[in-house]
């Protein structure tokens, strides 16, 4: 009766996205680590890596990527609203909230 039905796996939802502010995404080069979706990134020499405590945040990683052994291409968000609890960085996220806002990246507290 259900010929050709195929299980495509499961979908695990996260709570990274936190609102309707337009998200602009871009394909960039990631370097220097194994990062998860929601990592706040900085940019140096046209490559992105996890922002350090004293760094300048530029984007939010949209997908998991392992660039620990070689640079990889991945999608980042350059604008949008994001759940504070789903973001990671090289320091407390509160350190970067004001700097992110100047980039049209808004950090919100939402329910998980």
PDB file of N, CA and C in Angstrom:
ATOM      1  N   UNK A   1       0.810  -1.188   0.000  1.00  0.00           N
ATOM      2  CA  UNK A   1       0.000   0.000   0.000  1.00  0.00           C
ATOM      3  C   UNK A   1       0.866   1.270   0.000  1.00  0.00           C
ATOM      4  N   UNK A   2       1.993   1.246   0.747  1.00  0.00           N
ATOM      5  CA  UNK A   2       2.871   2.411   0.805  1.00  0.00           C
ATOM      6  C   UNK A   2       4.209   2.089   0.128  1.00  0.00           C
ATOM      7  N   UNK A   3       4.128   1.662  -1.079  1.00  0.00           N
ATOM      8  CA  UNK A   3       5.338   1.342  -1.826  1.00  0.00           C
ATOM      9  C   UNK A   3       6.221   2.583  -1.940  1.00  0.00           C
ATOM     10  N   UNK A   4       7.492   2.373  -1.919  1.00  0.00           N
ATOM     11  CA  UNK A   4       8.484   3.434  -2.048  1.00  0.00           C
ATOM     12  C   UNK A   4       8.577   4.332  -0.816  1.00  0.00           C
ATOM     13  N   UNK A   5       7.905   3.980   0.285  1.00  0.00           N
ATOM     14  CA  UNK A   5       8.055   4.749   1.515  1.00  0.00           C
ATOM     15  C   UNK A   5       9.430   4.460   2.095  1.00  0.00           C
ATOM     16  N   UNK A   6      10.135   5.505   2.487  1.00  0.00           N
ATOM     17  CA  UNK A   6      11.489   5.338   2.982  1.00  0.00           C
ATOM     18  C   UNK A   6      11.697   6.239   4.198  1.00  0.00           C
ATOM     19  N   UNK A   7      12.277   5.692   5.252  1.00  0.00           N
ATOM     20  CA  UNK A   7      12.581   6.463   6.451  1.00  0.00           C
ATOM     21  C   UNK A   7      13.842   7.284   6.175  1.00  0.00           C
ATOM     22  N   UNK A   8      13.729   8.594   6.254  1.00  0.00           N
ATOM     23  CA  UNK A   8      14.864   9.478   5.979  1.00  0.00           C
ATOM     24  C   UNK A   8      15.626   9.860   7.242  1.00  0.00           C
ATOM     25  N   UNK A   9      15.258   9.272   8.381  1.00  0.00           N
ATOM     26  CA  UNK A   9      15.953   9.579   9.625  1.00  0.00           C
ATOM     27  C   UNK A   9      15.119  10.467  10.521  1.00  0.00           C
ATOM     28  N   UNK A  10      15.776  11.107  11.462  1.00  0.00           N
ATOM     29  CA  UNK A  10      15.071  11.947  12.417  1.00  0.00           C
ATOM     30  C   UNK A  10      15.570  13.375  12.331  1.00  0.00           C
ATOM     31  N   UNK A  11      14.750  14.277  12.794  1.00  0.00           N
ATOM     32  CA  UNK A  11      15.095  15.690  12.848  1.00  0.00           C
ATOM     33  C   UNK A  11      15.166  16.102  14.304  1.00  0.00           C
ATOM     34  N   UNK A  12      16.294  16.653  14.701  1.00  0.00           N
ATOM     35  CA  UNK A  12      16.442  17.147  16.054  1.00  0.00           C
ATOM     36  C   UNK A  12      16.387  18.668  15.998  1.00  0.00           C
ATOM     37  N   UNK A  13      15.361  19.237  16.608  1.00  0.00           N
ATOM     38  CA  UNK A  13      15.207  20.682  16.608  1.00  0.00           C
ATOM     39  C   UNK A  13      16.052  21.295  17.708  1.00  0.00           C
ATOM     40  N   UNK A  14      16.601  22.450  17.439  1.00  0.00           N
ATOM     41  CA  UNK A  14      17.295  23.186  18.482  1.00  0.00           C
ATOM     42  C   UNK A  14      16.555  24.502  18.693  1.00  0.00           C
ATOM     43  N   UNK A  15      17.024  25.287  19.588  1.00  0.00           N
ATOM     44  CA  UNK A  15      16.345  26.540  19.887  1.00  0.00           C
ATOM     45  C   UNK A  15      17.250  27.736  19.582  1.00  0.00           C
ATOM     46  N   UNK A  16      18.063  27.629  18.546  1.00  0.00           N
ATOM     47  CA  UNK A  16      18.982  28.705  18.196  1.00  0.00           C
ATOM     48  C   UNK A  16      18.238  29.953  17.736  1.00  0.00           C
ATOM     49  N   UNK A  17      17.288  29.793  16.840  1.00  0.00           N
ATOM     50  CA  UNK A  17      16.580  30.938  16.279  1.00  0.00           C
ATOM     51  C   UNK A  17      15.553  31.437  17.282  1.00  0.00           C
ATOM     52  N   UNK A  18      15.475  32.776  17.440  1.00  0.00           N
ATOM     53  CA  UNK A  18      14.648  33.319  18.511  1.00  0.00           C
ATOM     54  C   UNK A  18      13.696  34.414  18.060  1.00  0.00           C
ATOM     55  N   UNK A  19      13.498  34.598  16.795  1.00  0.00           N
ATOM     56  CA  UNK A  19      12.593  35.651  16.355  1.00  0.00           C
ATOM     57  C   UNK A  19      12.527  35.756  14.855  1.00  0.00           C
ATOM     58  N   UNK A  20      11.827  36.786  14.402  1.00  0.00           N
ATOM     59  CA  UNK A  20      11.556  36.960  12.975  1.00  0.00           C
ATOM     60  C   UNK A  20      12.452  37.984  12.296  1.00  0.00           C
ATOM     61  N   UNK A  21      13.400  38.562  13.022  1.00  0.00           N
ATOM     62  CA  UNK A  21      14.292  39.524  12.365  1.00  0.00           C
ATOM     63  C   UNK A  21      14.961  38.807  11.197  1.00  0.00           C
ATOM     64  N   UNK A  22      15.016  39.439  10.039  1.00  0.00           N
ATOM     65  CA  UNK A  22      15.557  38.747   8.855  1.00  0.00           C
ATOM     66  C   UNK A  22      16.969  38.200   9.090  1.00  0.00           C
ATOM     67  N   UNK A  23      17.128  36.937   8.726  1.00  0.00           N
ATOM     68  CA  UNK A  23      18.440  36.301   8.806  1.00  0.00           C
ATOM     69  C   UNK A  23      19.100  36.377   7.438  1.00  0.00           C
ATOM     70  N   UNK A  24      20.317  36.839   7.424  1.00  0.00           N
ATOM     71  CA  UNK A  24      21.120  36.839   6.212  1.00  0.00           C
ATOM     72  C   UNK A  24      22.198  35.802   6.419  1.00  0.00           C
ATOM     73  N   UNK A  25      22.284  34.841   5.508  1.00  0.00           N
ATOM     74  CA  UNK A  25      23.297  33.795   5.641  1.00  0.00           C
ATOM     75  C   UNK A  25      24.301  33.915   4.506  1.00  0.00           C
ATOM     76  N   UNK A  26      25.481  33.365   4.762  1.00  0.00           N
ATOM     77  CA  UNK A  26      26.584  33.496   3.814  1.00  0.00           C
ATOM     78  C   UNK A  26      27.507  32.295   3.973  1.00  0.00           C
ATOM     79  N   UNK A  27      28.070  31.824   2.888  1.00  0.00           N
ATOM     80  CA  UNK A  27      29.036  30.732   2.922  1.00  0.00           C
ATOM     81  C   UNK A  27      30.427  31.326   3.135  1.00  0.00           C
ATOM     82  N   UNK A  28      31.121  30.848   4.183  1.00  0.00           N
ATOM     83  CA  UNK A  28      32.434  31.392   4.532  1.00  0.00           C
ATOM     84  C   UNK A  28      33.416  30.259   4.806  1.00  0.00           C
ATOM     85  N   UNK A  29      34.670  30.616   4.989  1.00  0.00           N
ATOM     86  CA  UNK A  29      35.705  29.658   5.355  1.00  0.00           C
ATOM     87  C   UNK A  29      35.878  29.662   6.871  1.00  0.00           C
ATOM     88  N   UNK A  30      35.783  28.466   7.460  1.00  0.00           N
ATOM     89  CA  UNK A  30      35.930  28.279   8.905  1.00  0.00           C
ATOM     90  C   UNK A  30      37.292  27.642   9.160  1.00  0.00           C
ATOM     91  N   UNK A  31      37.969  28.066  10.235  1.00  0.00           N
ATOM     92  CA  UNK A  31      39.295  27.540  10.552  1.00  0.00           C
ATOM     93  C   UNK A  31      39.466  27.359  12.058  1.00  0.00           C
ATOM     94  N   UNK A  32      40.379  26.481  12.419  1.00  0.00           N
ATOM     95  CA  UNK A  32      40.861  26.414  13.793  1.00  0.00           C
ATOM     96  C   UNK A  32      40.050  25.695  14.831  1.00  0.00           C
ATOM     97  N   UNK A  33      39.149  24.803  14.460  1.00  0.00           N
ATOM     98  CA  UNK A  33      38.452  24.087  15.515  1.00  0.00           C
ATOM     99  C   UNK A  33      37.252  23.299  15.041  1.00  0.00           C
ATOM    100  N   UNK A  34      36.675  22.574  15.971  1.00  0.00           N
ATOM    101  CA  UNK A  34      35.460  21.796  15.748  1.00  0.00           C
ATOM    102  C   UNK A  34      34.335  22.563  16.436  1.00  0.00           C
ATOM    103  N   UNK A  35      33.450  23.168  15.658  1.00  0.00           N
ATOM    104  CA  UNK A  35      32.451  24.080  16.192  1.00  0.00           C
ATOM    105  C   UNK A  35      31.041  23.544  15.982  1.00  0.00           C
ATOM    106  N   UNK A  36      30.161  23.912  16.902  1.00  0.00           N
ATOM    107  CA  UNK A  36      28.761  23.516  16.805  1.00  0.00           C
ATOM    108  C   UNK A  36      27.920  24.706  16.333  1.00  0.00           C
ATOM    109  N   UNK A  37      26.770  24.377  15.804  1.00  0.00           N
ATOM    110  CA  UNK A  37      25.792  25.386  15.396  1.00  0.00           C
ATOM    111  C   UNK A  37      25.545  26.311  16.588  1.00  0.00           C
ATOM    112  N   UNK A  38      25.560  27.614  16.329  1.00  0.00           N
ATOM    113  CA  UNK A  38      25.352  28.584  17.400  1.00  0.00           C
ATOM    114  C   UNK A  38      26.633  29.185  17.949  1.00  0.00           C
ATOM    115  N   UNK A  39      27.783  28.775  17.435  1.00  0.00           N
ATOM    116  CA  UNK A  39      29.047  29.352  17.875  1.00  0.00           C
ATOM    117  C   UNK A  39      29.178  30.766  17.321  1.00  0.00           C
ATOM    118  N   UNK A  40      29.521  31.705  18.181  1.00  0.00           N
ATOM    119  CA  UNK A  40      29.756  33.083  17.759  1.00  0.00           C
ATOM    120  C   UNK A  40      31.176  33.153  17.207  1.00  0.00           C
ATOM    121  N   UNK A  41      31.300  33.731  16.017  1.00  0.00           N
ATOM    122  CA  UNK A  41      32.568  33.725  15.298  1.00  0.00           C
ATOM    123  C   UNK A  41      33.118  35.131  15.088  1.00  0.00           C
ATOM    124  N   UNK A  42      34.444  35.208  15.006  1.00  0.00           N
ATOM    125  CA  UNK A  42      35.119  36.439  14.602  1.00  0.00           C
ATOM    126  C   UNK A  42      35.808  36.155  13.273  1.00  0.00           C
ATOM    127  N   UNK A  43      36.291  37.200  12.633  1.00  0.00           N
ATOM    128  CA  UNK A  43      36.896  37.061  11.310  1.00  0.00           C
ATOM    129  C   UNK A  43      38.305  37.640  11.315  1.00  0.00           C
ATOM    130  N   UNK A  44      39.244  36.869  10.748  1.00  0.00           N
ATOM    131  CA  UNK A  44      40.615  37.339  10.567  1.00  0.00           C
ATOM    132  C   UNK A  44      41.152  36.726   9.286  1.00  0.00           C
ATOM    133  N   UNK A  45      41.766  37.532   8.456  1.00  0.00           N
ATOM    134  CA  UNK A  45      42.339  37.052   7.191  1.00  0.00           C
ATOM    135  C   UNK A  45      41.315  36.305   6.345  1.00  0.00           C
ATOM    136  N   UNK A  46      40.079  36.821   6.309  1.00  0.00           N
ATOM    137  CA  UNK A  46      38.982  36.243   5.520  1.00  0.00           C
ATOM    138  C   UNK A  46      38.567  34.846   5.965  1.00  0.00           C
ATOM    139  N   UNK A  47      38.917  34.466   7.196  1.00  0.00           N
ATOM    140  CA  UNK A  47      38.500  33.178   7.750  1.00  0.00           C
ATOM    141  C   UNK A  47      37.838  33.421   9.105  1.00  0.00           C
ATOM    142  N   UNK A  48      36.901  32.552   9.448  1.00  0.00           N
ATOM    143  CA  UNK A  48      36.133  32.692  10.681  1.00  0.00           C
ATOM    144  C   UNK A  48      36.522  31.603  11.675  1.00  0.00           C
ATOM    145  N   UNK A  49      36.580  31.990  12.958  1.00  0.00           N
ATOM    146  CA  UNK A  49      36.825  31.044  14.052  1.00  0.00           C
ATOM    147  C   UNK A  49      36.107  31.557  15.293  1.00  0.00           C
ATOM    148  N   UNK A  50      36.052  30.724  16.337  1.00  0.00           N
ATOM    149  CA  UNK A  50      35.342  31.105  17.564  1.00  0.00           C
ATOM    150  C   UNK A  50      35.918  32.407  18.115  1.00  0.00           C
ATOM    151  N   UNK A  51      35.032  33.317  18.443  1.00  0.00           N
ATOM    152  CA  UNK A  51      35.458  34.612  18.957  1.00  0.00           C
ATOM    153  C   UNK A  51      36.110  34.443  20.324  1.00  0.00           C
ATOM    154  N   UNK A  52      37.237  35.118  20.508  1.00  0.00           N
ATOM    155  CA  UNK A  52      37.943  35.104  21.790  1.00  0.00           C
ATOM    156  C   UNK A  52      37.308  36.123  22.727  1.00  0.00           C
ATOM    157  N   UNK A  53      37.660  36.057  24.002  1.00  0.00           N
ATOM    158  CA  UNK A  53      37.078  36.935  25.012  1.00  0.00           C
ATOM    159  C   UNK A  53      37.227  38.414  24.659  1.00  0.00           C
ATOM    160  N   UNK A  54      38.332  38.782  24.040  1.00  0.00           N
ATOM    161  CA  UNK A  54      38.559  40.182  23.675  1.00  0.00           C
ATOM    162  C   UNK A  54      38.342  40.432  22.181  1.00  0.00           C
ATOM    163  N   UNK A  55      37.731  39.480  21.497  1.00  0.00           N
ATOM    164  CA  UNK A  55      37.549  39.577  20.057  1.00  0.00           C
ATOM    165  C   UNK A  55      36.323  40.358  19.634  1.00  0.00           C
ATOM    166  N   UNK A  56      36.218  40.551  18.344  1.00  0.00           N
ATOM    167  CA  UNK A  56      35.102  41.269  17.736  1.00  0.00           C
ATOM    168  C   UNK A  56      34.187  40.264  17.040  1.00  0.00           C
ATOM    169  N   UNK A  57      32.988  40.023  17.574  1.00  0.00           N
ATOM    170  CA  UNK A  57      32.085  39.046  16.953  1.00  0.00           C
ATOM    171  C   UNK A  57      31.571  39.535  15.609  1.00  0.00           C
ATOM    172  N   UNK A  58      31.447  38.599  14.661  1.00  0.00           N
ATOM    173  CA  UNK A  58      31.014  38.952  13.316  1.00  0.00           C
ATOM    174  C   UNK A  58      29.822  38.151  12.831  1.00  0.00           C
ATOM    175  N   UNK A  59      29.646  36.914  13.336  1.00  0.00           N
ATOM    176  CA  UNK A  59      28.626  36.033  12.766  1.00  0.00           C
ATOM    177  C   UNK A  59      28.285  34.926  13.755  1.00  0.00           C
ATOM    178  N   UNK A  60      27.203  34.204  13.432  1.00  0.00           N
ATOM    179  CA  UNK A  60      26.786  33.033  14.204  1.00  0.00           C
ATOM    180  C   UNK A  60      26.795  31.839  13.265  1.00  0.00           C
ATOM    181  N   UNK A  61      27.443  30.776  13.672  1.00  0.00           N
ATOM    182  CA  UNK A  61      27.548  29.581  12.846  1.00  0.00           C
ATOM    183  C   UNK A  61      26.182  28.911  12.694  1.00  0.00           C
ATOM    184  N   UNK A  62      25.799  28.604  11.467  1.00  0.00           N
ATOM    185  CA  UNK A  62      24.484  28.037  11.173  1.00  0.00           C
ATOM    186  C   UNK A  62      24.476  26.516  11.146  1.00  0.00           C
ATOM    187  N   UNK A  63      25.647  25.895  11.167  1.00  0.00           N
ATOM    188  CA  UNK A  63      25.733  24.437  11.086  1.00  0.00           C
ATOM    189  C   UNK A  63      26.984  23.956  11.808  1.00  0.00           C
ATOM    190  N   UNK A  64      26.981  22.702  12.216  1.00  0.00           N
ATOM    191  CA  UNK A  64      28.176  22.112  12.814  1.00  0.00           C
ATOM    192  C   UNK A  64      29.254  21.998  11.744  1.00  0.00           C
ATOM    193  N   UNK A  65      30.507  22.223  12.143  1.00  0.00           N
ATOM    194  CA  UNK A  65      31.618  22.087  11.190  1.00  0.00           C
ATOM    195  C   UNK A  65      32.895  21.734  11.952  1.00  0.00           C
ATOM    196  N   UNK A  66      33.635  20.783  11.401  1.00  0.00           N
ATOM    197  CA  UNK A  66      34.914  20.394  11.992  1.00  0.00           C
ATOM    198  C   UNK A  66      36.041  20.910  11.101  1.00  0.00           C
ATOM    199  N   UNK A  67      36.634  22.016  11.503  1.00  0.00           N
ATOM    200  CA  UNK A  67      37.745  22.615  10.772  1.00  0.00           C
ATOM    201  C   UNK A  67      39.014  22.546  11.615  1.00  0.00           C
ATOM    202  N   UNK A  68      39.111  21.500  12.432  1.00  0.00           N
ATOM    203  CA  UNK A  68      40.265  21.380  13.315  1.00  0.00           C
ATOM    204  C   UNK A  68      41.523  20.944  12.572  1.00  0.00           C
ATOM    205  N   UNK A  69      41.362  20.195  11.490  1.00  0.00           N
ATOM    206  CA  UNK A  69      42.542  19.724  10.747  1.00  0.00           C
ATOM    207  C   UNK A  69      42.746  20.458   9.428  1.00  0.00           C
ATOM    208  N   UNK A  70      41.671  21.002   8.875  1.00  0.00           N
ATOM    209  CA  UNK A  70      41.777  21.782   7.642  1.00  0.00           C
ATOM    210  C   UNK A  70      40.595  22.745   7.573  1.00  0.00           C
ATOM    211  N   UNK A  71      40.785  23.843   6.863  1.00  0.00           N
ATOM    212  CA  UNK A  71      39.717  24.818   6.705  1.00  0.00           C
ATOM    213  C   UNK A  71      38.539  24.182   5.970  1.00  0.00           C
ATOM    214  N   UNK A  72      37.330  24.586   6.365  1.00  0.00           N
ATOM    215  CA  UNK A  72      36.103  24.061   5.743  1.00  0.00           C
ATOM    216  C   UNK A  72      35.176  25.217   5.411  1.00  0.00           C
ATOM    217  N   UNK A  73      34.310  24.988   4.459  1.00  0.00           N
ATOM    218  CA  UNK A  73      33.260  25.938   4.113  1.00  0.00           C
ATOM    219  C   UNK A  73      32.031  25.636   4.965  1.00  0.00           C
ATOM    220  N   UNK A  74      31.370  26.666   5.453  1.00  0.00           N
ATOM    221  CA  UNK A  74      30.149  26.496   6.238  1.00  0.00           C
ATOM    222  C   UNK A  74      29.305  27.761   6.123  1.00  0.00           C
ATOM    223  N   UNK A  75      28.042  27.620   6.437  1.00  0.00           N
ATOM    224  CA  UNK A  75      27.112  28.737   6.399  1.00  0.00           C
ATOM    225  C   UNK A  75      27.093  29.428   7.762  1.00  0.00           C
ATOM    226  N   UNK A  76      27.109  30.762   7.734  1.00  0.00           N
ATOM    227  CA  UNK A  76      26.980  31.563   8.938  1.00  0.00           C
ATOM    228  C   UNK A  76      25.811  32.525   8.766  1.00  0.00           C
ATOM    229  N   UNK A  77      25.272  32.967   9.898  1.00  0.00           N
ATOM    230  CA  UNK A  77      24.269  34.019   9.893  1.00  0.00           C
ATOM    231  C   UNK A  77      24.971  35.341  10.165  1.00  0.00           C
ATOM    232  N   UNK A  78      24.715  36.337   9.318  1.00  0.00           N
ATOM    233  CA  UNK A  78      25.278  37.663   9.509  1.00  0.00           C
ATOM    234  C   UNK A  78      24.303  38.600  10.204  1.00  0.00           C
ATOM    235  N   UNK A  79      23.023  38.235  10.250  1.00  0.00           N
ATOM    236  CA  UNK A  79      22.000  38.976  10.970  1.00  0.00           C
ATOM    237  C   UNK A  79      20.978  37.989  11.515  1.00  0.00           C
ATOM    238  N   UNK A  80      20.173  38.442  12.466  1.00  0.00           N
ATOM    239  CA  UNK A  80      19.085  37.614  12.975  1.00  0.00           C
ATOM    240  C   UNK A  80      18.911  37.753  14.473  1.00  0.00           C
ATOM    241  N   UNK A  81      17.902  37.038  15.001  1.00  0.00           N
ATOM    242  CA  UNK A  81      17.632  36.976  16.438  1.00  0.00           C
ATOM    243  C   UNK A  81      17.939  35.560  16.910  1.00  0.00           C
ATOM    244  N   UNK A  82      18.726  35.454  17.993  1.00  0.00           N
ATOM    245  CA  UNK A  82      19.191  34.159  18.454  1.00  0.00           C
ATOM    246  C   UNK A  82      18.987  33.996  19.950  1.00  0.00           C
ATOM    247  N   UNK A  83      18.722  32.769  20.344  1.00  0.00           N
ATOM    248  CA  UNK A  83      18.507  32.425  21.740  1.00  0.00           C
ATOM    249  C   UNK A  83      19.847  32.415  22.468  1.00  0.00           C
ATOM    250  N   UNK A  84      19.938  33.203  23.518  1.00  0.00           N
ATOM    251  CA  UNK A  84      21.176  33.313  24.287  1.00  0.00           C
ATOM    252  C   UNK A  84      21.677  31.949  24.769  1.00  0.00           C
ATOM    253  N   UNK A  85      20.764  31.096  25.237  1.00  0.00           N
ATOM    254  CA  UNK A  85      21.149  29.796  25.785  1.00  0.00           C
ATOM    255  C   UNK A  85      21.723  28.857  24.725  1.00  0.00           C
ATOM    256  N   UNK A  86      21.480  29.134  23.451  1.00  0.00           N
ATOM    257  CA  UNK A  86      21.965  28.260  22.376  1.00  0.00           C
ATOM    258  C   UNK A  86      23.264  28.762  21.754  1.00  0.00           C
ATOM    259  N   UNK A  87      23.771  29.896  22.216  1.00  0.00           N
ATOM    260  CA  UNK A  87      25.003  30.458  21.668  1.00  0.00           C
ATOM    261  C   UNK A  87      26.208  30.059  22.513  1.00  0.00           C
ATOM    262  N   UNK A  88      27.347  29.865  21.850  1.00  0.00           N
ATOM    263  CA  UNK A  88      28.605  29.597  22.540  1.00  0.00           C
ATOM    264  C   UNK A  88      29.681  30.524  21.985  1.00  0.00           C
ATOM    265  N   UNK A  89      30.668  30.828  22.816  1.00  0.00           N
ATOM    266  CA  UNK A  89      31.762  31.706  22.405  1.00  0.00           C
ATOM    267  C   UNK A  89      32.957  31.448  23.294  1.00  0.00           C
ATOM    268  N   UNK A  90      34.026  32.199  23.080  1.00  0.00           N
ATOM    269  CA  UNK A  90      35.230  32.062  23.881  1.00  0.00           C
ATOM    270  C   UNK A  90      35.138  32.757  25.224  1.00  0.00           C
ATOM    271  N   UNK A  91      33.980  33.305  25.542  1.00  0.00           N
ATOM    272  CA  UNK A  91      33.721  33.960  26.829  1.00  0.00           C
ATOM    273  C   UNK A  91      32.210  33.969  27.025  1.00  0.00           C
ATOM    274  N   UNK A  92      31.759  34.495  28.156  1.00  0.00           N
ATOM    275  CA  UNK A  92      30.329  34.604  28.423  1.00  0.00           C
ATOM    276  C   UNK A  92      29.662  35.402  27.299  1.00  0.00           C
ATOM    277  N   UNK A  93      28.538  34.931  26.823  1.00  0.00           N
ATOM    278  CA  UNK A  93      27.819  35.589  25.722  1.00  0.00           C
ATOM    279  C   UNK A  93      27.500  37.044  26.063  1.00  0.00           C
ATOM    280  N   UNK A  94      27.229  37.338  27.332  1.00  0.00           N
ATOM    281  CA  UNK A  94      26.920  38.712  27.727  1.00  0.00           C
ATOM    282  C   UNK A  94      28.035  39.684  27.340  1.00  0.00           C
ATOM    283  N   UNK A  95      29.258  39.198  27.252  1.00  0.00           N
ATOM    284  CA  UNK A  95      30.398  40.013  26.836  1.00  0.00           C
ATOM    285  C   UNK A  95      30.208  40.574  25.429  1.00  0.00           C
ATOM    286  N   UNK A  96      29.458  39.860  24.598  1.00  0.00           N
ATOM    287  CA  UNK A  96      29.353  40.206  23.178  1.00  0.00           C
ATOM    288  C   UNK A  96      28.017  40.809  22.757  1.00  0.00           C
ATOM    289  N   UNK A  97      27.046  40.865  23.662  1.00  0.00           N
ATOM    290  CA  UNK A  97      25.687  41.280  23.281  1.00  0.00           C
ATOM    291  C   UNK A  97      25.667  42.647  22.612  1.00  0.00           C
ATOM    292  N   UNK A  98      26.313  43.635  23.191  1.00  0.00           N
ATOM    293  CA  UNK A  98      26.306  44.978  22.611  1.00  0.00           C
ATOM    294  C   UNK A  98      27.013  45.022  21.259  1.00  0.00           C
ATOM    295  N   UNK A  99      28.138  44.343  21.149  1.00  0.00           N
ATOM    296  CA  UNK A  99      28.861  44.306  19.874  1.00  0.00           C
ATOM    297  C   UNK A  99      28.058  43.587  18.799  1.00  0.00           C
ATOM    298  N   UNK A 100      27.378  42.515  19.177  1.00  0.00           N
ATOM    299  CA  UNK A 100      26.550  41.784  18.212  1.00  0.00           C
ATOM    300  C   UNK A 100      25.395  42.650  17.723  1.00  0.00           C
ATOM    301  N   UNK A 101      24.810  43.429  18.625  1.00  0.00           N
ATOM    302  CA  UNK A 101      23.679  44.278  18.248  1.00  0.00           C
ATOM    303  C   UNK A 101      24.087  45.258  17.146  1.00  0.00           C
ATOM    304  N   UNK A 102      25.335  45.757  17.173  1.00  0.00           N
ATOM    305  CA  UNK A 102      25.778  46.690  16.132  1.00  0.00           C
ATOM    306  C   UNK A 102      25.874  46.008  14.771  1.00  0.00           C
ATOM    307  N   UNK A 103      25.890  44.677  14.762  1.00  0.00           N
ATOM    308  CA  UNK A 103      25.939  43.889  13.517  1.00  0.00           C
ATOM    309  C   UNK A 103      24.552  43.386  13.105  1.00  0.00           C
ATOM    310  N   UNK A 104      23.510  43.852  13.814  1.00  0.00           N
ATOM    311  CA  UNK A 104      22.137  43.365  13.592  1.00  0.00           C
ATOM    312  C   UNK A 104      21.996  41.891  13.933  1.00  0.00           C
ATOM    313  N   UNK A 105      22.756  41.468  14.919  1.00  0.00           N
ATOM    314  CA  UNK A 105      22.602  40.139  15.516  1.00  0.00           C
ATOM    315  C   UNK A 105      22.088  40.384  16.933  1.00  0.00           C
ATOM    316  N   UNK A 106      20.857  39.953  17.180  1.00  0.00           N
ATOM    317  CA  UNK A 106      20.187  40.243  18.438  1.00  0.00           C
ATOM    318  C   UNK A 106      20.113  38.986  19.295  1.00  0.00           C
ATOM    319  N   UNK A 107      20.498  39.117  20.549  1.00  0.00           N
ATOM    320  CA  UNK A 107      20.506  38.000  21.500  1.00  0.00           C
ATOM    321  C   UNK A 107      19.305  38.168  22.426  1.00  0.00           C
ATOM    322  N   UNK A 108      18.513  37.104  22.508  1.00  0.00           N
ATOM    323  CA  UNK A 108      17.304  37.143  23.332  1.00  0.00           C
ATOM    324  C   UNK A 108      17.284  35.970  24.288  1.00  0.00           C
ATOM    325  N   UNK A 109      16.602  36.145  25.396  1.00  0.00           N
ATOM    326  CA  UNK A 109      16.341  35.041  26.315  1.00  0.00           C
ATOM    327  C   UNK A 109      14.996  34.449  25.934  1.00  0.00           C
ATOM    328  N   UNK A 110      14.991  33.205  25.532  1.00  0.00           N
ATOM    329  CA  UNK A 110      13.752  32.538  25.166  1.00  0.00           C
ATOM    330  C   UNK A 110      13.649  31.252  25.964  1.00  0.00           C
ATOM    331  N   UNK A 111      12.471  30.657  25.934  1.00  0.00           N
ATOM    332  CA  UNK A 111      12.306  29.365  26.601  1.00  0.00           C
ATOM    333  C   UNK A 111      13.002  28.293  25.780  1.00  0.00           C
ATOM    334  N   UNK A 112      13.566  27.305  26.470  1.00  0.00           N
ATOM    335  CA  UNK A 112      14.234  26.216  25.752  1.00  0.00           C
ATOM    336  C   UNK A 112      13.233  25.153  25.386  1.00  0.00           C
TER     337      UNK A 112
END
